[in-house]
Amino acid sequence: MTARTTVLLLALIAVVGGYLWWEQSVSPPPADTATAARRGGPPAGATTPVRPFFAFQPDDVVRVQLQQGDTTRAAVRTASGGWPAPAITDLLGALANLGVLVEISSETDAAAQYGLRPPRSVVTIYQSGGASPLVLRLGDRNPPTTGVYVQVGIDGQIGLAGALVEWEFEKAFRALGSPPAPPSQ
């Protein structure tokens, strides 16, 4: 092999290598929702904003009911506009911003597979003006525990949401179960 052939081969390798590097840096990997659901986030290269599960204004909520297993706890907004526990305000804020990270089929088999038949927990939100209550069912966490599977209503949309909603639910549920402190004397 002559020096000229060697230089031409090296130039060809450099051009092909440069093209492959450029192709990888410009093109995002294809979106794979199944992998994204296991990983706990949106598909790779997703550029659309996260779509909310449901829309409501926390200020319009007059009653919240939390159910976990056989235990149900409720909170009613006071006449002054506050809640008996600040954790309810945090929960409502988390729910108002709850977005669909990954959509999943709402078939009965899917609901059972993700811990939604029966659900681990249920949040029911009652709004002023007599609007139909909003129901959110919380199921299992995804394998990396970064998200929780949720379902709107009994037969509604199933999706993966951030694990923060489960944490806020637990915090509010505990706060409503605490007996009131005795008055100071």
N, C-alpha and C. Protein backbone atom coordinates (compact mmCIF):
# COMPACT_ATOMS: atom_id res chain seq x y z
N MET A 1 0.86 -1.17 0.00
CA MET A 1 0.00 0.00 0.00
C MET A 1 0.90 1.23 0.00
N THR A 2 0.58 2.18 -0.85
CA THR A 2 1.39 3.38 -0.98
C THR A 2 0.93 4.42 0.02
N ALA A 3 1.74 5.41 0.22
CA ALA A 3 1.42 6.50 1.15
C ALA A 3 0.17 7.24 0.67
N ARG A 4 0.02 7.36 -0.64
CA ARG A 4 -1.15 8.05 -1.19
C ARG A 4 -2.43 7.29 -0.84
N THR A 5 -2.44 5.98 -0.98
CA THR A 5 -3.61 5.17 -0.66
C THR A 5 -3.93 5.27 0.83
N THR A 6 -2.92 5.25 1.66
CA THR A 6 -3.12 5.37 3.10
C THR A 6 -3.76 6.70 3.46
N VAL A 7 -3.29 7.77 2.86
CA VAL A 7 -3.86 9.10 3.13
C VAL A 7 -5.31 9.15 2.65
N LEU A 8 -5.61 8.59 1.49
CA LEU A 8 -6.99 8.58 0.99
C LEU A 8 -7.90 7.77 1.91
N LEU A 9 -7.45 6.63 2.39
CA LEU A 9 -8.26 5.83 3.32
C LEU A 9 -8.49 6.57 4.64
N LEU A 10 -7.47 7.21 5.16
CA LEU A 10 -7.64 8.00 6.39
C LEU A 10 -8.61 9.15 6.18
N ALA A 11 -8.56 9.80 5.04
CA ALA A 11 -9.50 10.90 4.74
C ALA A 11 -10.92 10.35 4.64
N LEU A 12 -11.10 9.21 4.02
CA LEU A 12 -12.42 8.60 3.90
C LEU A 12 -12.96 8.22 5.28
N ILE A 13 -12.13 7.64 6.13
CA ILE A 13 -12.55 7.28 7.48
C ILE A 13 -12.94 8.54 8.26
N ALA A 14 -12.18 9.60 8.11
CA ALA A 14 -12.49 10.86 8.81
C ALA A 14 -13.82 11.43 8.33
N VAL A 15 -14.09 11.39 7.04
CA VAL A 15 -15.35 11.91 6.50
C VAL A 15 -16.53 11.08 7.01
N VAL A 16 -16.45 9.75 6.94
CA VAL A 16 -17.53 8.88 7.41
C VAL A 16 -17.73 9.06 8.91
N GLY A 17 -16.65 9.08 9.68
CA GLY A 17 -16.74 9.28 11.13
C GLY A 17 -17.37 10.63 11.46
N GLY A 18 -16.97 11.66 10.75
CA GLY A 18 -17.55 13.00 10.98
C GLY A 18 -19.03 13.03 10.67
N TYR A 19 -19.42 12.36 9.58
CA TYR A 19 -20.84 12.32 9.23
C TYR A 19 -21.62 11.59 10.31
N LEU A 20 -21.15 10.44 10.76
CA LEU A 20 -21.85 9.68 11.80
C LEU A 20 -21.96 10.49 13.10
N TRP A 21 -20.90 11.17 13.49
CA TRP A 21 -20.94 12.02 14.69
C TRP A 21 -21.98 13.12 14.53
N TRP A 22 -21.99 13.78 13.37
CA TRP A 22 -22.94 14.86 13.12
C TRP A 22 -24.37 14.33 13.14
N GLU A 23 -24.60 13.15 12.52
CA GLU A 23 -25.94 12.56 12.47
C GLU A 23 -26.45 12.27 13.88
N GLN A 24 -25.61 11.76 14.76
CA GLN A 24 -26.01 11.45 16.13
C GLN A 24 -26.30 12.71 16.94
N SER A 25 -25.53 13.76 16.71
CA SER A 25 -25.72 14.97 17.51
C SER A 25 -26.92 15.80 17.06
N VAL A 26 -27.33 15.68 15.80
CA VAL A 26 -28.44 16.46 15.27
C VAL A 26 -29.78 15.74 15.47
N SER A 27 -29.81 14.43 15.29
CA SER A 27 -31.06 13.68 15.36
C SER A 27 -31.26 13.09 16.75
N PRO A 28 -32.37 13.45 17.44
CA PRO A 28 -32.63 12.83 18.73
C PRO A 28 -33.03 11.37 18.53
N PRO A 29 -32.84 10.53 19.54
CA PRO A 29 -33.26 9.15 19.39
C PRO A 29 -34.77 9.06 19.25
N PRO A 30 -35.28 8.03 18.61
CA PRO A 30 -36.73 7.90 18.42
C PRO A 30 -37.44 7.77 19.77
N ALA A 31 -38.66 8.31 19.85
CA ALA A 31 -39.46 8.23 21.07
C ALA A 31 -39.98 6.81 21.22
N ASP A 32 -39.82 6.25 22.38
CA ASP A 32 -40.28 4.90 22.69
C ASP A 32 -41.06 5.00 23.99
N THR A 33 -42.39 4.99 23.90
CA THR A 33 -43.21 5.21 25.09
C THR A 33 -43.11 4.06 26.08
N ALA A 34 -42.90 2.84 25.61
CA ALA A 34 -42.79 1.72 26.54
C ALA A 34 -41.53 1.87 27.40
N THR A 35 -40.42 2.21 26.75
CA THR A 35 -39.19 2.42 27.51
C THR A 35 -39.34 3.62 28.43
N ALA A 36 -40.00 4.67 27.96
CA ALA A 36 -40.20 5.86 28.79
C ALA A 36 -41.03 5.55 30.02
N ALA A 37 -42.04 4.72 29.90
CA ALA A 37 -42.88 4.36 31.05
C ALA A 37 -42.07 3.59 32.09
N ARG A 38 -41.20 2.69 31.64
CA ARG A 38 -40.37 1.95 32.59
C ARG A 38 -39.35 2.87 33.24
N ARG A 39 -38.81 3.79 32.46
CA ARG A 39 -37.79 4.70 32.95
C ARG A 39 -38.39 5.74 33.89
N GLY A 40 -39.67 6.07 33.70
CA GLY A 40 -40.33 7.01 34.61
C GLY A 40 -40.42 8.42 34.09
N GLY A 41 -40.26 8.64 32.82
CA GLY A 41 -40.34 9.99 32.30
C GLY A 41 -40.93 10.00 30.91
N PRO A 42 -40.96 11.19 30.30
CA PRO A 42 -41.49 11.29 28.95
C PRO A 42 -40.56 10.65 27.94
N PRO A 43 -41.07 10.30 26.77
CA PRO A 43 -40.23 9.71 25.74
C PRO A 43 -39.05 10.61 25.41
N ALA A 44 -37.93 10.00 25.06
CA ALA A 44 -36.74 10.75 24.70
C ALA A 44 -37.05 11.67 23.52
N GLY A 45 -36.58 12.88 23.59
CA GLY A 45 -36.79 13.83 22.51
C GLY A 45 -38.17 14.49 22.52
N ALA A 46 -38.97 14.26 23.56
CA ALA A 46 -40.30 14.86 23.62
C ALA A 46 -40.17 16.37 23.76
N THR A 47 -40.90 17.09 22.93
CA THR A 47 -40.80 18.54 22.97
C THR A 47 -42.13 19.19 23.29
N THR A 48 -43.20 18.42 23.36
CA THR A 48 -44.50 19.00 23.65
C THR A 48 -44.65 19.16 25.17
N PRO A 49 -45.37 20.19 25.61
CA PRO A 49 -45.56 20.37 27.04
C PRO A 49 -46.41 19.23 27.61
N VAL A 50 -46.25 19.00 28.90
CA VAL A 50 -46.99 17.94 29.56
C VAL A 50 -48.46 18.35 29.64
N ARG A 51 -49.34 17.44 29.22
CA ARG A 51 -50.78 17.69 29.22
C ARG A 51 -51.33 17.36 30.60
N PRO A 52 -52.19 18.22 31.16
CA PRO A 52 -52.75 17.94 32.49
C PRO A 52 -53.76 16.81 32.46
N PHE A 53 -53.89 16.09 33.59
CA PHE A 53 -54.90 15.03 33.69
C PHE A 53 -56.30 15.64 33.70
N PHE A 54 -56.48 16.70 34.47
CA PHE A 54 -57.76 17.41 34.49
C PHE A 54 -57.50 18.83 34.93
N ALA A 55 -58.43 19.70 34.58
CA ALA A 55 -58.26 21.13 34.89
C ALA A 55 -59.22 21.54 35.99
N PHE A 56 -58.69 22.20 36.99
CA PHE A 56 -59.51 22.80 38.03
C PHE A 56 -58.67 23.87 38.72
N GLN A 57 -59.35 24.76 39.38
CA GLN A 57 -58.68 25.81 40.14
C GLN A 57 -58.75 25.45 41.62
N PRO A 58 -57.62 25.36 42.32
CA PRO A 58 -57.65 25.01 43.74
C PRO A 58 -58.57 25.92 44.57
N ASP A 59 -58.71 27.18 44.16
CA ASP A 59 -59.58 28.10 44.92
C ASP A 59 -61.06 27.75 44.79
N ASP A 60 -61.43 26.95 43.78
CA ASP A 60 -62.83 26.55 43.58
C ASP A 60 -63.20 25.30 44.36
N VAL A 61 -62.22 24.66 44.98
CA VAL A 61 -62.48 23.41 45.71
C VAL A 61 -63.06 23.73 47.08
N VAL A 62 -64.16 23.03 47.41
CA VAL A 62 -64.81 23.26 48.71
C VAL A 62 -64.67 22.05 49.64
N ARG A 63 -64.38 20.89 49.07
CA ARG A 63 -64.25 19.68 49.89
C ARG A 63 -63.30 18.71 49.19
N VAL A 64 -62.50 18.02 49.99
CA VAL A 64 -61.59 17.00 49.47
C VAL A 64 -61.80 15.74 50.29
N GLN A 65 -61.92 14.62 49.59
CA GLN A 65 -62.07 13.33 50.27
C GLN A 65 -60.90 12.45 49.85
N LEU A 66 -60.22 11.86 50.84
CA LEU A 66 -59.08 11.00 50.60
C LEU A 66 -59.40 9.60 51.12
N GLN A 67 -59.16 8.61 50.28
CA GLN A 67 -59.45 7.23 50.68
C GLN A 67 -58.20 6.40 50.47
N GLN A 68 -57.87 5.62 51.48
CA GLN A 68 -56.75 4.69 51.39
C GLN A 68 -57.19 3.40 52.08
N GLY A 69 -57.30 2.34 51.31
CA GLY A 69 -57.83 1.09 51.86
C GLY A 69 -59.27 1.30 52.31
N ASP A 70 -59.56 0.92 53.56
CA ASP A 70 -60.91 1.07 54.10
C ASP A 70 -61.09 2.39 54.85
N THR A 71 -60.08 3.22 54.87
CA THR A 71 -60.14 4.47 55.63
C THR A 71 -60.40 5.65 54.70
N THR A 72 -61.40 6.45 55.05
CA THR A 72 -61.72 7.65 54.28
C THR A 72 -61.62 8.85 55.21
N ARG A 73 -60.95 9.88 54.74
CA ARG A 73 -60.82 11.12 55.49
C ARG A 73 -61.22 12.26 54.58
N ALA A 74 -61.84 13.30 55.17
CA ALA A 74 -62.32 14.42 54.36
C ALA A 74 -61.94 15.73 55.01
N ALA A 75 -61.84 16.74 54.18
CA ALA A 75 -61.57 18.10 54.64
C ALA A 75 -62.52 19.03 53.92
N VAL A 76 -63.07 19.99 54.67
CA VAL A 76 -63.97 20.98 54.11
C VAL A 76 -63.32 22.35 54.29
N ARG A 77 -63.39 23.15 53.24
CA ARG A 77 -62.83 24.50 53.31
C ARG A 77 -63.60 25.30 54.36
N THR A 78 -62.89 26.01 55.19
CA THR A 78 -63.53 26.80 56.25
C THR A 78 -64.18 28.06 55.67
N ALA A 79 -64.98 28.71 56.48
CA ALA A 79 -65.66 29.94 56.04
C ALA A 79 -64.65 31.02 55.67
N SER A 80 -63.48 31.00 56.30
CA SER A 80 -62.46 32.01 55.99
C SER A 80 -61.66 31.64 54.73
N GLY A 81 -61.95 30.48 54.13
CA GLY A 81 -61.29 30.10 52.89
C GLY A 81 -60.09 29.20 53.07
N GLY A 82 -59.80 28.80 54.31
CA GLY A 82 -58.64 27.94 54.55
C GLY A 82 -59.03 26.49 54.72
N TRP A 83 -58.03 25.66 54.91
CA TRP A 83 -58.23 24.24 55.11
C TRP A 83 -57.81 23.87 56.52
N PRO A 84 -58.35 22.79 57.07
CA PRO A 84 -57.97 22.40 58.43
C PRO A 84 -56.51 21.97 58.54
N ALA A 85 -55.90 21.63 57.42
CA ALA A 85 -54.48 21.26 57.41
C ALA A 85 -53.83 21.90 56.18
N PRO A 86 -52.66 22.55 56.35
CA PRO A 86 -51.98 23.15 55.19
C PRO A 86 -51.61 22.12 54.12
N ALA A 87 -51.51 20.86 54.50
CA ALA A 87 -51.16 19.83 53.53
C ALA A 87 -52.22 19.70 52.43
N ILE A 88 -53.47 20.08 52.72
CA ILE A 88 -54.52 20.03 51.69
C ILE A 88 -54.22 21.04 50.59
N THR A 89 -53.77 22.21 50.97
CA THR A 89 -53.39 23.23 49.98
C THR A 89 -52.27 22.69 49.09
N ASP A 90 -51.28 22.03 49.69
CA ASP A 90 -50.18 21.46 48.91
C ASP A 90 -50.67 20.37 47.96
N LEU A 91 -51.56 19.51 48.45
CA LEU A 91 -52.11 18.45 47.61
C LEU A 91 -52.88 19.03 46.42
N LEU A 92 -53.71 20.02 46.68
CA LEU A 92 -54.50 20.63 45.59
C LEU A 92 -53.58 21.29 44.57
N GLY A 93 -52.51 21.92 45.02
CA GLY A 93 -51.55 22.52 44.09
C GLY A 93 -50.89 21.46 43.23
N ALA A 94 -50.51 20.33 43.84
CA ALA A 94 -49.89 19.24 43.08
C ALA A 94 -50.88 18.65 42.07
N LEU A 95 -52.14 18.50 42.48
CA LEU A 95 -53.14 17.93 41.57
C LEU A 95 -53.48 18.88 40.43
N ALA A 96 -53.53 20.18 40.71
CA ALA A 96 -53.83 21.15 39.66
C ALA A 96 -52.73 21.17 38.59
N ASN A 97 -51.51 20.82 38.98
CA ASN A 97 -50.38 20.82 38.04
C ASN A 97 -50.00 19.42 37.59
N LEU A 98 -50.80 18.43 37.92
CA LEU A 98 -50.50 17.04 37.60
C LEU A 98 -50.58 16.82 36.10
N GLY A 99 -49.48 16.40 35.51
CA GLY A 99 -49.44 16.20 34.07
C GLY A 99 -49.23 14.74 33.70
N VAL A 100 -49.68 14.42 32.50
CA VAL A 100 -49.53 13.08 31.93
C VAL A 100 -48.10 12.95 31.41
N LEU A 101 -47.28 12.13 32.06
CA LEU A 101 -45.93 11.90 31.55
C LEU A 101 -45.95 10.87 30.43
N VAL A 102 -46.74 9.81 30.63
CA VAL A 102 -46.89 8.76 29.62
C VAL A 102 -48.34 8.29 29.67
N GLU A 103 -48.99 8.23 28.50
CA GLU A 103 -50.36 7.71 28.44
C GLU A 103 -50.32 6.20 28.31
N ILE A 104 -51.29 5.55 28.98
CA ILE A 104 -51.39 4.10 28.96
C ILE A 104 -52.83 3.75 28.63
N SER A 105 -53.03 2.62 27.99
CA SER A 105 -54.38 2.16 27.64
C SER A 105 -55.24 2.09 28.89
N SER A 106 -56.52 2.44 28.76
CA SER A 106 -57.43 2.40 29.91
C SER A 106 -58.23 1.11 29.97
N GLU A 107 -57.71 0.04 29.37
CA GLU A 107 -58.38 -1.26 29.42
C GLU A 107 -58.34 -1.80 30.85
N THR A 108 -59.30 -2.64 31.19
CA THR A 108 -59.38 -3.21 32.53
C THR A 108 -58.10 -3.95 32.90
N ASP A 109 -57.53 -4.71 31.97
CA ASP A 109 -56.30 -5.44 32.25
C ASP A 109 -55.17 -4.48 32.61
N ALA A 110 -55.09 -3.36 31.91
CA ALA A 110 -54.04 -2.37 32.19
C ALA A 110 -54.24 -1.78 33.58
N ALA A 111 -55.49 -1.51 33.95
CA ALA A 111 -55.76 -0.95 35.28
C ALA A 111 -55.30 -1.90 36.37
N ALA A 112 -55.55 -3.18 36.22
CA ALA A 112 -55.12 -4.16 37.22
C ALA A 112 -53.60 -4.27 37.24
N GLN A 113 -52.99 -4.23 36.08
CA GLN A 113 -51.54 -4.37 35.98
C GLN A 113 -50.81 -3.23 36.69
N TYR A 114 -51.40 -2.04 36.72
CA TYR A 114 -50.74 -0.87 37.30
C TYR A 114 -51.24 -0.53 38.70
N GLY A 115 -51.92 -1.48 39.35
CA GLY A 115 -52.35 -1.27 40.74
C GLY A 115 -53.56 -0.38 40.88
N LEU A 116 -54.40 -0.33 39.85
CA LEU A 116 -55.58 0.54 39.88
C LEU A 116 -56.89 -0.24 40.02
N ARG A 117 -56.83 -1.57 40.10
CA ARG A 117 -58.01 -2.40 40.30
C ARG A 117 -57.73 -3.36 41.43
N PRO A 118 -57.96 -3.05 42.65
CA PRO A 118 -58.44 -1.78 43.19
C PRO A 118 -57.28 -0.80 43.32
N PRO A 119 -57.61 0.48 43.40
CA PRO A 119 -56.55 1.48 43.54
C PRO A 119 -55.95 1.46 44.95
N ARG A 120 -54.73 1.94 45.07
CA ARG A 120 -54.08 2.06 46.37
C ARG A 120 -54.72 3.21 47.16
N SER A 121 -55.05 4.30 46.45
CA SER A 121 -55.62 5.48 47.08
C SER A 121 -56.55 6.16 46.09
N VAL A 122 -57.49 6.97 46.62
CA VAL A 122 -58.43 7.70 45.77
C VAL A 122 -58.58 9.11 46.33
N VAL A 123 -58.53 10.10 45.44
CA VAL A 123 -58.77 11.50 45.80
C VAL A 123 -60.04 11.93 45.09
N THR A 124 -60.99 12.50 45.83
CA THR A 124 -62.20 13.05 45.23
C THR A 124 -62.25 14.53 45.57
N ILE A 125 -62.39 15.35 44.54
CA ILE A 125 -62.39 16.81 44.70
C ILE A 125 -63.78 17.34 44.37
N TYR A 126 -64.35 18.06 45.32
CA TYR A 126 -65.67 18.67 45.13
C TYR A 126 -65.45 20.17 44.95
N GLN A 127 -66.04 20.72 43.86
CA GLN A 127 -65.87 22.13 43.55
C GLN A 127 -67.14 22.91 43.86
N SER A 128 -66.98 24.20 44.03
CA SER A 128 -68.15 25.06 44.24
C SER A 128 -68.98 25.10 42.97
N GLY A 129 -70.24 25.42 43.11
CA GLY A 129 -71.11 25.52 41.96
C GLY A 129 -71.74 24.20 41.56
N GLY A 130 -71.52 23.14 42.30
CA GLY A 130 -72.17 21.87 42.02
C GLY A 130 -71.61 21.11 40.85
N ALA A 131 -70.41 21.43 40.41
CA ALA A 131 -69.80 20.68 39.31
C ALA A 131 -69.57 19.23 39.75
N SER A 132 -69.56 18.34 38.80
CA SER A 132 -69.31 16.93 39.12
C SER A 132 -67.95 16.79 39.81
N PRO A 133 -67.88 15.92 40.81
CA PRO A 133 -66.59 15.75 41.49
C PRO A 133 -65.53 15.17 40.55
N LEU A 134 -64.29 15.54 40.79
CA LEU A 134 -63.16 14.99 40.06
C LEU A 134 -62.58 13.86 40.90
N VAL A 135 -62.35 12.72 40.28
CA VAL A 135 -61.84 11.55 40.99
C VAL A 135 -60.51 11.13 40.36
N LEU A 136 -59.51 10.94 41.20
CA LEU A 136 -58.21 10.47 40.75
C LEU A 136 -57.83 9.26 41.59
N ARG A 137 -57.56 8.18 40.88
CA ARG A 137 -57.18 6.92 41.55
C ARG A 137 -55.68 6.75 41.41
N LEU A 138 -55.00 6.45 42.50
CA LEU A 138 -53.55 6.25 42.50
C LEU A 138 -53.25 4.78 42.64
N GLY A 139 -52.34 4.30 41.79
CA GLY A 139 -51.96 2.89 41.80
C GLY A 139 -50.54 2.68 42.25
N ASP A 140 -49.86 1.74 41.59
CA ASP A 140 -48.48 1.39 41.92
C ASP A 140 -47.52 2.45 41.43
N ARG A 141 -46.31 2.42 41.98
CA ARG A 141 -45.22 3.24 41.46
C ARG A 141 -44.57 2.51 40.29
N ASN A 142 -43.95 3.26 39.41
CA ASN A 142 -43.20 2.63 38.32
C ASN A 142 -41.92 2.02 38.91
N PRO A 143 -41.25 1.11 38.19
CA PRO A 143 -40.09 0.43 38.78
C PRO A 143 -39.00 1.35 39.36
N PRO A 144 -38.63 2.46 38.72
CA PRO A 144 -37.61 3.29 39.36
C PRO A 144 -38.18 4.19 40.48
N THR A 145 -39.46 4.08 40.76
CA THR A 145 -40.19 4.84 41.80
C THR A 145 -40.16 6.35 41.58
N THR A 146 -40.03 6.78 40.35
CA THR A 146 -40.06 8.21 40.05
C THR A 146 -41.45 8.68 39.66
N GLY A 147 -42.35 7.75 39.44
CA GLY A 147 -43.71 8.09 39.04
C GLY A 147 -44.70 7.14 39.65
N VAL A 148 -45.97 7.50 39.54
CA VAL A 148 -47.06 6.67 40.05
C VAL A 148 -48.11 6.58 38.95
N TYR A 149 -48.69 5.39 38.80
CA TYR A 149 -49.74 5.20 37.80
C TYR A 149 -51.04 5.73 38.38
N VAL A 150 -51.75 6.53 37.59
CA VAL A 150 -52.99 7.15 38.04
C VAL A 150 -54.07 6.96 36.98
N GLN A 151 -55.32 7.07 37.43
CA GLN A 151 -56.45 6.96 36.52
C GLN A 151 -57.47 8.02 36.91
N VAL A 152 -58.01 8.70 35.91
CA VAL A 152 -59.07 9.68 36.13
C VAL A 152 -60.39 8.94 36.14
N GLY A 153 -61.12 9.01 37.24
CA GLY A 153 -62.39 8.31 37.35
C GLY A 153 -62.19 6.81 37.41
N ILE A 154 -63.29 6.08 37.20
CA ILE A 154 -63.23 4.62 37.29
C ILE A 154 -62.77 4.00 35.98
N ASP A 155 -63.19 4.54 34.85
CA ASP A 155 -62.84 3.98 33.55
C ASP A 155 -62.11 4.97 32.66
N GLY A 156 -61.57 6.03 33.25
CA GLY A 156 -60.95 7.07 32.45
C GLY A 156 -59.51 6.78 32.09
N GLN A 157 -58.86 7.80 31.66
CA GLN A 157 -57.49 7.75 31.19
C GLN A 157 -56.55 7.23 32.27
N ILE A 158 -55.63 6.36 31.89
CA ILE A 158 -54.57 5.87 32.77
C ILE A 158 -53.27 6.47 32.26
N GLY A 159 -52.44 6.89 33.17
CA GLY A 159 -51.16 7.43 32.77
C GLY A 159 -50.16 7.39 33.90
N LEU A 160 -48.97 7.79 33.58
CA LEU A 160 -47.91 7.89 34.58
C LEU A 160 -47.76 9.35 34.95
N ALA A 161 -47.79 9.62 36.25
CA ALA A 161 -47.61 10.97 36.77
C ALA A 161 -46.40 10.97 37.69
N GLY A 162 -45.88 12.13 37.99
CA GLY A 162 -44.75 12.24 38.90
C GLY A 162 -45.09 11.72 40.29
N ALA A 163 -44.12 11.14 40.98
CA ALA A 163 -44.33 10.55 42.29
C ALA A 163 -44.69 11.58 43.35
N LEU A 164 -44.50 12.86 43.07
CA LEU A 164 -44.83 13.91 44.03
C LEU A 164 -46.29 13.84 44.45
N VAL A 165 -47.18 13.49 43.54
CA VAL A 165 -48.61 13.45 43.87
C VAL A 165 -48.88 12.41 44.95
N GLU A 166 -48.20 11.29 44.91
CA GLU A 166 -48.39 10.27 45.95
C GLU A 166 -47.86 10.76 47.29
N TRP A 167 -46.73 11.43 47.26
CA TRP A 167 -46.15 11.98 48.49
C TRP A 167 -47.08 13.02 49.10
N GLU A 168 -47.63 13.91 48.27
CA GLU A 168 -48.56 14.93 48.77
C GLU A 168 -49.84 14.28 49.31
N PHE A 169 -50.31 13.22 48.66
CA PHE A 169 -51.49 12.50 49.15
C PHE A 169 -51.20 11.95 50.55
N GLU A 170 -50.08 11.26 50.70
CA GLU A 170 -49.73 10.67 52.00
C GLU A 170 -49.63 11.73 53.08
N LYS A 171 -49.03 12.85 52.75
CA LYS A 171 -48.88 13.94 53.72
C LYS A 171 -50.25 14.47 54.15
N ALA A 172 -51.15 14.69 53.20
CA ALA A 172 -52.49 15.19 53.52
C ALA A 172 -53.29 14.15 54.28
N PHE A 173 -53.17 12.88 53.90
CA PHE A 173 -53.90 11.81 54.57
C PHE A 173 -53.48 11.72 56.04
N ARG A 174 -52.17 11.78 56.28
CA ARG A 174 -51.69 11.77 57.66
C ARG A 174 -52.16 12.99 58.43
N ALA A 175 -52.13 14.15 57.79
CA ALA A 175 -52.53 15.39 58.47
C ALA A 175 -54.00 15.35 58.88
N LEU A 176 -54.84 14.76 58.05
CA LEU A 176 -56.26 14.68 58.38
C LEU A 176 -56.55 13.61 59.42
N GLY A 177 -55.64 12.69 59.62
CA GLY A 177 -55.84 11.63 60.59
C GLY A 177 -55.33 11.98 61.96
N SER A 178 -54.56 13.04 62.05
CA SER A 178 -54.01 13.43 63.34
C SER A 178 -55.10 14.05 64.19
N PRO A 179 -55.21 13.63 65.44
CA PRO A 179 -56.19 14.26 66.28
C PRO A 179 -55.77 15.70 66.58
N PRO A 180 -56.74 16.59 66.79
CA PRO A 180 -56.38 17.97 67.08
C PRO A 180 -55.61 18.06 68.40
N ALA A 181 -54.70 18.99 68.45
CA ALA A 181 -53.91 19.18 69.67
C ALA A 181 -54.81 19.74 70.78
N PRO A 182 -54.58 19.28 72.00
CA PRO A 182 -55.40 19.82 73.11
C PRO A 182 -55.09 21.29 73.31
N PRO A 183 -56.08 22.07 73.75
CA PRO A 183 -55.83 23.50 73.96
C PRO A 183 -54.81 23.72 75.07
N SER A 184 -53.99 24.73 74.89
CA SER A 184 -52.98 25.08 75.89
C SER A 184 -53.65 25.72 77.09
N GLN A 185 -53.17 25.41 78.26
CA GLN A 185 -53.77 25.98 79.48
C GLN A 185 -52.80 26.81 80.23
